[in-house]
C-alpha atoms as a PDB file:
ATOM      1  CA  MET A   1      -6.682 -17.542  23.122  1.00  0.00           C
ATOM      2  CA  ILE A   2      -9.562 -19.518  22.358  1.00  0.00           C
ATOM      3  CA  ASP A   3     -11.505 -18.703  25.966  1.00  0.00           C
ATOM      4  CA  TYR A   4     -10.901 -14.648  24.748  1.00  0.00           C
ATOM      5  CA  TYR A   5     -12.751 -16.014  20.985  1.00  0.00           C
ATOM      6  CA  GLU A   6     -15.672 -17.897  22.808  1.00  0.00           C
ATOM      7  CA  GLN A   7     -16.575 -15.179  25.672  1.00  0.00           C
ATOM      8  CA  LEU A   8     -17.421 -12.704  22.682  1.00  0.00           C
ATOM      9  CA  SER A   9     -20.648 -12.267  21.187  1.00  0.00           C
ATOM     10  CA  GLN A  10     -21.764 -13.537  17.948  1.00  0.00           C
ATOM     11  CA  GLU A  11     -21.658 -10.038  16.579  1.00  0.00           C
ATOM     12  CA  GLU A  12     -17.895  -9.371  17.969  1.00  0.00           C
ATOM     13  CA  GLN A  13     -16.852 -12.926  16.931  1.00  0.00           C
ATOM     14  CA  GLU A  14     -17.653 -11.474  13.069  1.00  0.00           C
ATOM     15  CA  LYS A  15     -15.753  -8.606  13.248  1.00  0.00           C
ATOM     16  CA  VAL A  16     -12.869 -10.130  14.780  1.00  0.00           C
ATOM     17  CA  ARG A  17     -13.593 -12.792  11.804  1.00  0.00           C
ATOM     18  CA  GLU A  18     -13.509  -9.836   9.411  1.00  0.00           C
ATOM     19  CA  SER A  19     -10.453  -8.106  10.585  1.00  0.00           C
ATOM     20  CA  ILE A  20      -8.465 -11.349  10.657  1.00  0.00           C
ATOM     21  CA  GLN A  21      -9.635 -11.963   6.721  1.00  0.00           C
ATOM     22  CA  THR A  22      -9.165  -8.517   5.747  1.00  0.00           C
ATOM     23  CA  LEU A  23      -5.887  -7.868   7.386  1.00  0.00           C
ATOM     24  CA  TYR A  24      -5.054 -11.346   5.111  1.00  0.00           C
ATOM     25  CA  ARG A  25      -6.142 -10.048   2.218  1.00  0.00           C
ATOM     26  CA  GLN A  26      -5.201  -6.796   1.824  1.00  0.00           C
ATOM     27  CA  THR A  27      -1.894  -6.777   4.386  1.00  0.00           C
ATOM     28  CA  PHE A  28      -2.610  -3.498   5.598  1.00  0.00           C
ATOM     29  CA  LEU A  29      -5.148  -1.375   7.247  1.00  0.00           C
ATOM     30  CA  LEU A  30      -5.858   2.483   6.971  1.00  0.00           C
ATOM     31  CA  GLU A  31      -6.658   4.542   9.857  1.00  0.00           C
ATOM     32  CA  LYS A  32      -7.928   7.166   7.525  1.00  0.00           C
ATOM     33  CA  LYS A  33      -9.452   6.480   4.013  1.00  0.00           C
ATOM     34  CA  TYR A  34     -10.449   9.447   1.390  1.00  0.00           C
ATOM     35  CA  ASP A  35     -14.049   9.858   0.427  1.00  0.00           C
ATOM     36  CA  LYS A  36     -13.902  10.902  -3.162  1.00  0.00           C
ATOM     37  CA  LYS A  37     -17.648  11.787  -3.154  1.00  0.00           C
ATOM     38  CA  THR A  38     -17.018  13.956   0.221  1.00  0.00           C
ATOM     39  CA  GLY A  39     -13.603  14.882  -0.733  1.00  0.00           C
ATOM     40  CA  ARG A  40     -12.664  14.421   2.722  1.00  0.00           C
ATOM     41  CA  TYR A  41     -10.381  11.780   4.724  1.00  0.00           C
ATOM     42  CA  ARG A  42     -12.952   9.442   7.470  1.00  0.00           C
ATOM     43  CA  LEU A  43     -12.145   7.158   9.717  1.00  0.00           C
ATOM     44  CA  ASN A  44     -12.000   3.837   8.303  1.00  0.00           C
ATOM     45  CA  GLN A  45     -13.873   1.463  10.975  1.00  0.00           C
ATOM     46  CA  GLU A  46     -12.020  -1.843   9.261  1.00  0.00           C
ATOM     47  CA  TYR A  47      -8.459  -0.371  11.492  1.00  0.00           C
ATOM     48  CA  TYR A  48     -10.627   0.145  14.398  1.00  0.00           C
ATOM     49  CA  GLN A  49     -12.642  -3.096  14.537  1.00  0.00           C
ATOM     50  CA  CYS A  50      -9.151  -3.902  14.495  1.00  0.00           C
ATOM     51  CA  THR A  51      -7.557  -2.418  17.145  1.00  0.00           C
ATOM     52  CA  GLY A  52     -10.356  -3.500  19.621  1.00  0.00           C
ATOM     53  CA  HIS A  53      -8.969  -6.800  19.195  1.00  0.00           C
ATOM     54  CA  LEU A  54      -5.696  -6.156  18.363  1.00  0.00           C
ATOM     55  CA  GLU A  55      -3.598  -8.567  20.965  1.00  0.00           C
ATOM     56  CA  PHE A  56      -5.695 -11.933  19.993  1.00  0.00           C
ATOM     57  CA  ILE A  57      -5.594 -11.115  16.478  1.00  0.00           C
ATOM     58  CA  ARG A  58      -1.900 -10.652  17.283  1.00  0.00           C
ATOM     59  CA  ALA A  59      -2.089 -14.084  19.170  1.00  0.00           C
ATOM     60  CA  TYR A  60      -3.894 -15.630  15.895  1.00  0.00           C
ATOM     61  CA  PHE A  61      -1.434 -14.243  13.094  1.00  0.00           C
ATOM     62  CA  ALA A  62       1.809 -14.880  16.126  1.00  0.00           C
ATOM     63  CA  VAL A  63       0.639 -18.864  15.278  1.00  0.00           C
ATOM     64  CA  MET A  64       1.239 -18.617  11.658  1.00  0.00           C
ATOM     65  CA  GLY A  65       4.445 -16.967  12.410  1.00  0.00           C
ATOM     66  CA  ILE A  66       3.173 -13.422  11.357  1.00  0.00           C
ATOM     67  CA  ASP A  67       3.865 -10.165  13.234  1.00  0.00           C
ATOM     68  CA  VAL A  68       1.000  -7.933  13.518  1.00  0.00           C
ATOM     69  CA  ILE A  69       1.924  -4.588  13.680  1.00  0.00           C
ATOM     70  CA  GLU A  70       0.176  -1.073  14.925  1.00  0.00           C
ATOM     71  CA  ASN A  71       2.208   2.088  13.634  1.00  0.00           C
ATOM     72  CA  SER A  72      -0.583   4.759  14.969  1.00  0.00           C
ATOM     73  CA  SER A  73       2.155   7.494  13.682  1.00  0.00           C
ATOM     74  CA  VAL A  74       0.693   7.128  10.603  1.00  0.00           C
ATOM     75  CA  GLY A  75      -2.479   4.955  11.098  1.00  0.00           C
ATOM     76  CA  VAL A  76      -1.334   1.897   9.911  1.00  0.00           C
ATOM     77  CA  ILE A  77      -1.716  -1.717  10.686  1.00  0.00           C
ATOM     78  CA  TYR A  78      -0.177  -4.117   8.661  1.00  0.00           C
ATOM     79  CA  ILE A  79       1.027  -7.890   8.650  1.00  0.00           C
ATOM     80  CA  ARG A  80       4.361  -9.252   8.392  1.00  0.00           C
ATOM     81  CA  GLY A  81       6.467 -12.114   7.785  1.00  0.00           C
ATOM     82  CA  GLU A  82       8.125 -14.892   5.699  1.00  0.00           C
ATOM     83  CA  GLN A  83       4.253 -16.242   5.610  1.00  0.00           C
ATOM     84  CA  VAL A  84       2.931 -13.499   4.259  1.00  0.00           C
ATOM     85  CA  VAL A  85       2.067 -14.555   0.461  1.00  0.00           C
ATOM     86  CA  GLY A  86       0.479 -11.444  -1.332  1.00  0.00           C
ATOM     87  CA  GLU A  87       0.506 -10.977  -5.071  1.00  0.00           C
ATOM     88  CA  LYS A  88       3.056 -10.938  -7.366  1.00  0.00           C
ATOM     89  CA  LEU A  89       3.427  -7.444  -8.796  1.00  0.00           C
ATOM     90  CA  PRO A  90       4.373  -6.654 -12.467  1.00  0.00           C
ATOM     91  CA  LYS A  91       8.014  -4.480 -12.714  1.00  0.00           C
ATOM     92  CA  LEU A  92       5.997  -1.396 -13.488  1.00  0.00           C
ATOM     93  CA  ALA A  93       3.836  -1.361 -10.305  1.00  0.00           C
ATOM     94  CA  THR A  94       7.373  -1.899  -8.460  1.00  0.00           C
ATOM     95  CA  LEU A  95       8.667   0.741 -10.196  1.00  0.00           C
ATOM     96  CA  TYR A  96       5.545   3.170  -9.365  1.00  0.00           C
ATOM     97  CA  ILE A  97       5.561   2.073  -5.898  1.00  0.00           C
ATOM     98  CA  LEU A  98       9.903   3.663  -5.561  1.00  0.00           C
ATOM     99  CA  VAL A  99       8.751   6.658  -6.949  1.00  0.00           C
ATOM    100  CA  LEU A 100       5.374   7.198  -5.064  1.00  0.00           C
ATOM    101  CA  LYS A 101       7.272   6.723  -1.916  1.00  0.00           C
ATOM    102  CA  LEU A 102       9.755   9.593  -3.435  1.00  0.00           C
ATOM    103  CA  ILE A 103       6.850  11.521  -3.772  1.00  0.00           C
ATOM    104  CA  TYR A 104       5.365  10.984  -0.170  1.00  0.00           C
ATOM    105  CA  ASP A 105       8.893  11.939   1.416  1.00  0.00           C
ATOM    106  CA  GLU A 106       9.122  15.142  -0.179  1.00  0.00           C
ATOM    107  CA  GLN A 107       5.837  15.861   0.319  1.00  0.00           C
ATOM    108  CA  MET A 108       5.907  15.011   3.983  1.00  0.00           C
ATOM    109  CA  MET A 109       9.146  17.379   4.362  1.00  0.00           C
ATOM    110  CA  THR A 110       7.087  20.562   3.967  1.00  0.00           C
ATOM    111  CA  ALA A 111       3.539  19.262   5.545  1.00  0.00           C
ATOM    112  CA  SER A 112       3.197  20.597   8.747  1.00  0.00           C
ATOM    113  CA  ASN A 113       0.079  18.306  10.139  1.00  0.00           C
ATOM    114  CA  SER A 114      -0.715  15.552   7.605  1.00  0.00           C
ATOM    115  CA  VAL A 115       0.054  12.175   7.176  1.00  0.00           C
ATOM    116  CA  ASN A 116      -0.987  11.818   3.437  1.00  0.00           C
ATOM    117  CA  ALA A 117       0.025  13.194   0.337  1.00  0.00           C
ATOM    118  CA  VAL A 118      -1.509  13.999  -3.774  1.00  0.00           C
ATOM    119  CA  THR A 119       0.524  13.308  -6.654  1.00  0.00           C
ATOM    120  CA  SER A 120      -0.749  13.080 -10.305  1.00  0.00           C
ATOM    121  CA  LEU A 121      -0.024  10.013 -13.230  1.00  0.00           C
ATOM    122  CA  GLY A 122       2.028  12.316 -14.886  1.00  0.00           C
ATOM    123  CA  ALA A 123       4.394  13.603 -11.857  1.00  0.00           C
ATOM    124  CA  VAL A 124       5.062   9.555 -11.393  1.00  0.00           C
ATOM    125  CA  HIS A 125       6.519   9.182 -14.851  1.00  0.00           C
ATOM    126  CA  GLU A 126       8.061  12.379 -14.995  1.00  0.00           C
ATOM    127  CA  LYS A 127      10.294  11.217 -12.064  1.00  0.00           C
ATOM    128  CA  LEU A 128      10.657   7.582 -13.779  1.00  0.00           C
ATOM    129  CA  ALA A 129      12.566   9.123 -16.393  1.00  0.00           C
ATOM    130  CA  VAL A 130      14.135  11.750 -14.758  1.00  0.00           C
ATOM    131  CA  TYR A 131      15.705   8.229 -13.068  1.00  0.00           C
ATOM    132  CA  ARG A 132      15.648   6.378 -16.154  1.00  0.00           C
ATOM    133  CA  LEU A 133      13.504   3.514 -14.633  1.00  0.00           C
ATOM    134  CA  LEU A 134      11.113   3.328 -18.205  1.00  0.00           C
ATOM    135  CA  LYS A 135      13.218   2.658 -21.583  1.00  0.00           C
ATOM    136  CA  LYS A 136       9.260   2.749 -23.457  1.00  0.00           C
ATOM    137  CA  GLN A 137       5.981   4.273 -22.322  1.00  0.00           C
ATOM    138  CA  PRO A 138       3.940   1.378 -20.539  1.00  0.00           C
ATOM    139  CA  SER A 139       0.357   0.735 -22.226  1.00  0.00           C
ATOM    140  CA  PRO A 140      -2.713   1.913 -20.705  1.00  0.00           C
ATOM    141  CA  THR A 141      -3.781  -1.157 -20.003  1.00  0.00           C
ATOM    142  CA  GLU A 142      -0.214  -1.780 -17.822  1.00  0.00           C
ATOM    143  CA  ILE A 143      -0.829   1.543 -16.293  1.00  0.00           C
ATOM    144  CA  ARG A 144      -4.472   0.104 -15.469  1.00  0.00           C
ATOM    145  CA  ARG A 145      -3.513  -3.161 -14.093  1.00  0.00           C
ATOM    146  CA  SER A 146      -0.669  -1.675 -11.859  1.00  0.00           C
ATOM    147  CA  LEU A 147      -2.780   1.145 -10.502  1.00  0.00           C
ATOM    148  CA  SER A 148      -5.515  -1.077  -9.713  1.00  0.00           C
ATOM    149  CA  LEU A 149      -3.098  -3.492  -7.653  1.00  0.00           C
ATOM    150  CA  LEU A 150      -1.595  -0.411  -5.385  1.00  0.00           C
ATOM    151  CA  LYS A 151      -5.472   0.723  -4.757  1.00  0.00           C
ATOM    152  CA  ARG A 152      -6.373  -2.875  -3.574  1.00  0.00           C
ATOM    153  CA  TYR A 153      -3.052  -2.920  -1.329  1.00  0.00           C
ATOM    154  CA  GLN A 154      -4.190   0.483   0.098  1.00  0.00           C
ATOM    155  CA  MET A 155      -0.767   2.373  -1.318  1.00  0.00           C
ATOM    156  CA  ILE A 156      -2.955   4.904  -3.152  1.00  0.00           C
ATOM    157  CA  GLU A 157      -6.539   6.006  -3.924  1.00  0.00           C
ATOM    158  CA  PRO A 158      -7.054   7.290  -7.178  1.00  0.00           C
ATOM    159  CA  LEU A 159      -9.448  10.503  -7.700  1.00  0.00           C
ATOM    160  CA  ASP A 160     -10.344  10.305 -11.204  1.00  0.00           C
ATOM    161  CA  SER A 161     -11.793   6.999 -13.224  1.00  0.00           C
ATOM    162  CA  LEU A 162      -8.848   4.783 -14.014  1.00  0.00           C
ATOM    163  CA  ASP A 163     -10.799   4.334 -17.571  1.00  0.00           C
ATOM    164  CA  GLY A 164      -9.864   7.365 -19.383  1.00  0.00           C
ATOM    165  CA  ILE A 165      -6.001   6.649 -18.600  1.00  0.00           C
ATOM    166  CA  GLU A 166      -5.211   8.501 -20.937  1.00  0.00           C
ATOM    167  CA  GLY A 167      -6.112  11.815 -19.526  1.00  0.00           C
ATOM    168  CA  PRO A 168      -4.892  13.442 -16.301  1.00  0.00           C
ATOM    169  CA  VAL A 169      -5.104  11.037 -12.881  1.00  0.00           C
ATOM    170  CA  GLN A 170      -4.481  12.152  -9.478  1.00  0.00           C
ATOM    171  CA  MET A 171      -4.111  10.342  -6.637  1.00  0.00           C
ATOM    172  CA  VAL A 172      -3.641   9.904  -3.156  1.00  0.00           C
ATOM    173  CA  ILE A 173      -0.619   8.168  -1.163  1.00  0.00           C
ATOM    174  CA  TYR A 174      -1.418   6.525   1.519  1.00  0.00           C
ATOM    175  CA  PRO A 175       0.654   6.203   4.116  1.00  0.00           C
ATOM    176  CA  ALA A 176       0.956   2.570   3.963  1.00  0.00           C
ATOM    177  CA  ILE A 177       3.583   3.435   1.729  1.00  0.00           C
ATOM    178  CA  GLN A 178       5.691   4.431   4.587  1.00  0.00           C
ATOM    179  CA  VAL A 179       5.642   0.761   5.904  1.00  0.00           C
ATOM    180  CA  VAL A 180       6.692  -0.818   2.237  1.00  0.00           C
ATOM    181  CA  LEU A 181      10.185   0.652   1.888  1.00  0.00           C
ATOM    182  CA  MET A 182      12.128   3.464   3.824  1.00  0.00           C
ATOM    183  CA  GLY A 183      13.176   6.077   1.705  1.00  0.00           C
ATOM    184  CA  ASP A 184      16.858   4.987   1.669  1.00  0.00           C
ATOM    185  CA  ASP A 185      15.377   1.988   0.698  1.00  0.00           C
ATOM    186  CA  ALA A 186      13.942   3.512  -2.332  1.00  0.00           C
ATOM    187  CA  ARG A 187      16.581   5.133  -3.814  1.00  0.00           C
ATOM    188  CA  GLU A 188      18.918   1.907  -3.856  1.00  0.00           C
ATOM    189  CA  LEU A 189      16.507   0.145  -5.277  1.00  0.00           C
ATOM    190  CA  ILE A 190      15.583   2.788  -7.895  1.00  0.00           C
ATOM    191  CA  GLY A 191      19.796   2.640  -8.666  1.00  0.00           C
ATOM    192  CA  THR A 192      19.686  -0.618  -9.582  1.00  0.00           C
ATOM    193  CA  TYR A 193      16.527  -0.709 -11.252  1.00  0.00           C
ATOM    194  CA  SER A 194      18.585   1.967 -13.336  1.00  0.00           C
ATOM    195  CA  GLU A 195      21.867  -0.370 -13.778  1.00  0.00           C
ATOM    196  CA  GLY A 196      19.399  -2.699 -15.393  1.00  0.00           C
ATOM    197  CA  ASP A 197      17.068  -3.432 -17.965  1.00  0.00           C
ATOM    198  CA  THR A 198      13.656  -2.091 -17.161  1.00  0.00           C
ATOM    199  CA  GLU A 199      11.940  -2.137 -21.019  1.00  0.00           C
ATOM    200  CA  ASP A 200       9.923  -5.846 -20.172  1.00  0.00           C
ATOM    201  CA  GLU A 201       7.277  -4.514 -17.792  1.00  0.00           C
ATOM    202  CA  GLU A 202       5.021  -7.349 -17.837  1.00  0.00           C
ATOM    203  CA  SER A 203       7.421 -10.241 -17.312  1.00  0.00           C
ATOM    204  CA  ASP A 204       9.859  -9.324 -14.858  1.00  0.00           C
ATOM    205  CA  GLU A 205       7.892  -9.757 -11.766  1.00  0.00           C
ATOM    206  CA  SER A 206       8.527  -8.112  -7.856  1.00  0.00           C
ATOM    207  CA  ASN A 207       8.139  -8.682  -4.537  1.00  0.00           C
ATOM    208  CA  GLU A 208       4.293  -8.722  -2.782  1.00  0.00           C
ATOM    209  CA  PRO A 209       3.699  -5.499  -1.051  1.00  0.00           C
ATOM    210  CA  GLY A 210       3.360  -6.562   2.465  1.00  0.00           C
ATOM    211  CA  GLU A 211       7.848  -7.648   1.917  1.00  0.00           C
ATOM    212  CA  SER A 212       8.522  -5.269  -0.030  1.00  0.00           C
ATOM    213  CA  GLY A 213      10.514  -3.414   2.329  1.00  0.00           C
ATOM    214  CA  LEU A 214       9.916  -4.626   6.090  1.00  0.00           C
END
């Protein structure tokens, strides 16, 4: 493993380091990301940078007991293992993930050749209401914090500014949502939350994105 790395040029060594650091920090790497300037999806060079040295990167993470998994069908590389320590999510962010997963599945059932879905904050809140997952309207601060966390972990890409959270907010749901929770897992967890007390959105925390349903 060390021989492989040492035989690389300085530029390639830097790319390997960047890939390792990005994966460990973000948990997921997407093959395509939405470019709000052009309104199109563009190839993510970080993804291909990682695939170019994937076997070495897998061996590197294996030393820490972490698996590096490539799901080429949806264009995601992610890490999984007990040593993957991500940021704790507030319950509101976890509920968003559950509902976004259901919305993603619904849209993919009717999509012909896309692995991406688009929804709105209003639609998310409507589903939360249908499943009786929120007993009170979350504050704009809670909403911004939750959406910002999901953006950081590449679950979503907000298409509108989060500064004006009171207005309509459209968002792309990235395929990384596929490897966080399976559809049945999402529905089971929604049932659990529906039966419990979901009023305190800030104090109760869930697992990090990398381990929610892997």
